[in-house]
Protein backbone atom coordinates (compact mmCIF):
# COMPACT_ATOMS: atom_id res chain seq x y z
CA MET A 1 77.24 110.60 83.43
CA GLU A 2 76.00 113.05 86.04
CA ARG A 3 77.04 116.71 85.85
CA GLN A 4 78.58 116.55 89.34
CA GLU A 5 80.81 113.63 88.31
CA ILE A 6 81.95 115.53 85.21
CA GLU A 7 82.77 118.62 87.29
CA GLU A 8 84.69 116.54 89.85
CA LYS A 9 86.78 114.82 87.16
CA VAL A 10 87.52 118.12 85.42
CA ARG A 11 88.45 119.80 88.72
CA ALA A 12 90.74 116.88 89.61
CA PHE A 13 92.69 116.95 86.36
CA LEU A 14 92.97 120.74 86.40
CA ILE A 15 94.58 120.55 89.85
CA ASP A 16 96.60 117.34 89.43
CA GLU A 17 97.64 117.41 85.79
CA LEU A 18 97.76 121.12 84.94
CA GLU A 19 98.67 122.31 88.45
CA ILE A 20 96.06 125.06 88.50
CA ASP A 21 95.49 126.61 91.92
CA GLU A 22 92.23 125.45 93.46
CA GLU A 23 91.08 129.01 94.20
CA ASN A 24 91.18 129.75 90.44
CA ILE A 25 88.72 126.93 89.68
CA PHE A 26 85.11 128.10 89.81
CA PRO A 27 82.22 127.80 87.32
CA GLU A 28 82.61 131.22 85.70
CA ALA A 29 86.41 131.11 85.66
CA HIS A 30 87.76 132.04 82.26
CA LEU A 31 89.95 129.19 80.98
CA LYS A 32 92.66 131.50 79.64
CA ASN A 33 92.45 134.63 81.77
CA ASP A 34 91.62 133.16 85.19
CA MET A 35 93.23 129.72 84.95
CA GLY A 36 96.08 130.54 82.59
CA ILE A 37 95.35 127.63 80.23
CA ASP A 38 97.36 128.10 77.06
CA SER A 39 97.64 126.18 73.79
CA LEU A 40 100.17 123.72 75.25
CA ASP A 41 97.83 123.00 78.17
CA PHE A 42 95.02 122.47 75.70
CA VAL A 43 96.99 119.66 74.04
CA ASP A 44 97.19 117.97 77.45
CA ILE A 45 93.47 118.57 78.02
CA VAL A 46 92.61 116.82 74.74
CA VAL A 47 94.50 113.70 75.87
CA ILE A 48 93.06 113.82 79.42
CA VAL A 49 89.48 114.24 78.21
CA GLU A 50 89.85 111.32 75.81
CA LYS A 51 91.21 109.13 78.64
CA ASN A 52 88.60 110.19 81.23
CA PHE A 53 85.50 110.68 79.10
CA GLY A 54 86.08 108.54 76.00
CA PHE A 55 85.82 111.08 73.20
CA LYS A 56 88.16 113.33 71.22
CA ILE A 57 87.75 117.08 71.46
CA LYS A 58 87.27 118.70 68.07
CA PRO A 59 88.71 122.23 68.05
CA GLU A 60 85.81 123.58 65.98
CA GLU A 61 83.37 122.37 68.65
CA MET A 62 85.28 124.29 71.30
CA ALA A 63 84.73 127.63 69.56
CA GLY A 64 82.99 129.91 72.04
CA VAL A 65 83.92 127.80 75.08
CA GLU A 66 85.56 130.32 77.37
CA THR A 67 84.57 129.42 80.94
CA LEU A 68 84.87 126.32 83.06
CA SER A 69 81.08 126.00 83.14
CA GLN A 70 80.91 126.10 79.32
CA PHE A 71 83.68 123.48 79.14
CA CYS A 72 81.72 121.18 81.48
CA ASP A 73 78.58 121.83 79.38
CA TYR A 74 80.52 120.72 76.29
CA ILE A 75 81.70 117.52 77.97
CA GLU A 76 78.20 116.81 79.30
CA ARG A 77 76.72 117.12 75.79
CA LYS A 78 79.34 114.76 74.36
CA VAL A 79 79.07 112.00 76.99
CA ASN A 80 75.27 111.98 77.36
């Protein structure tokens, strides 16, 4: 899967499913501080990622993932 396709899918579910304002979605946006993603949102993200990308997020693999770009890097590593 191409990086651009991953970023488009992630952007779409952040806007549609989590109702994050589009202006808060940029590569270096901090998931918690800039986008306001909390632990309840993360539960939703786990389900959405499994549905859209076909793998389960393991919390230990997400350690150190703080920005949107890092999150897309993580997804790209898992799907390719």
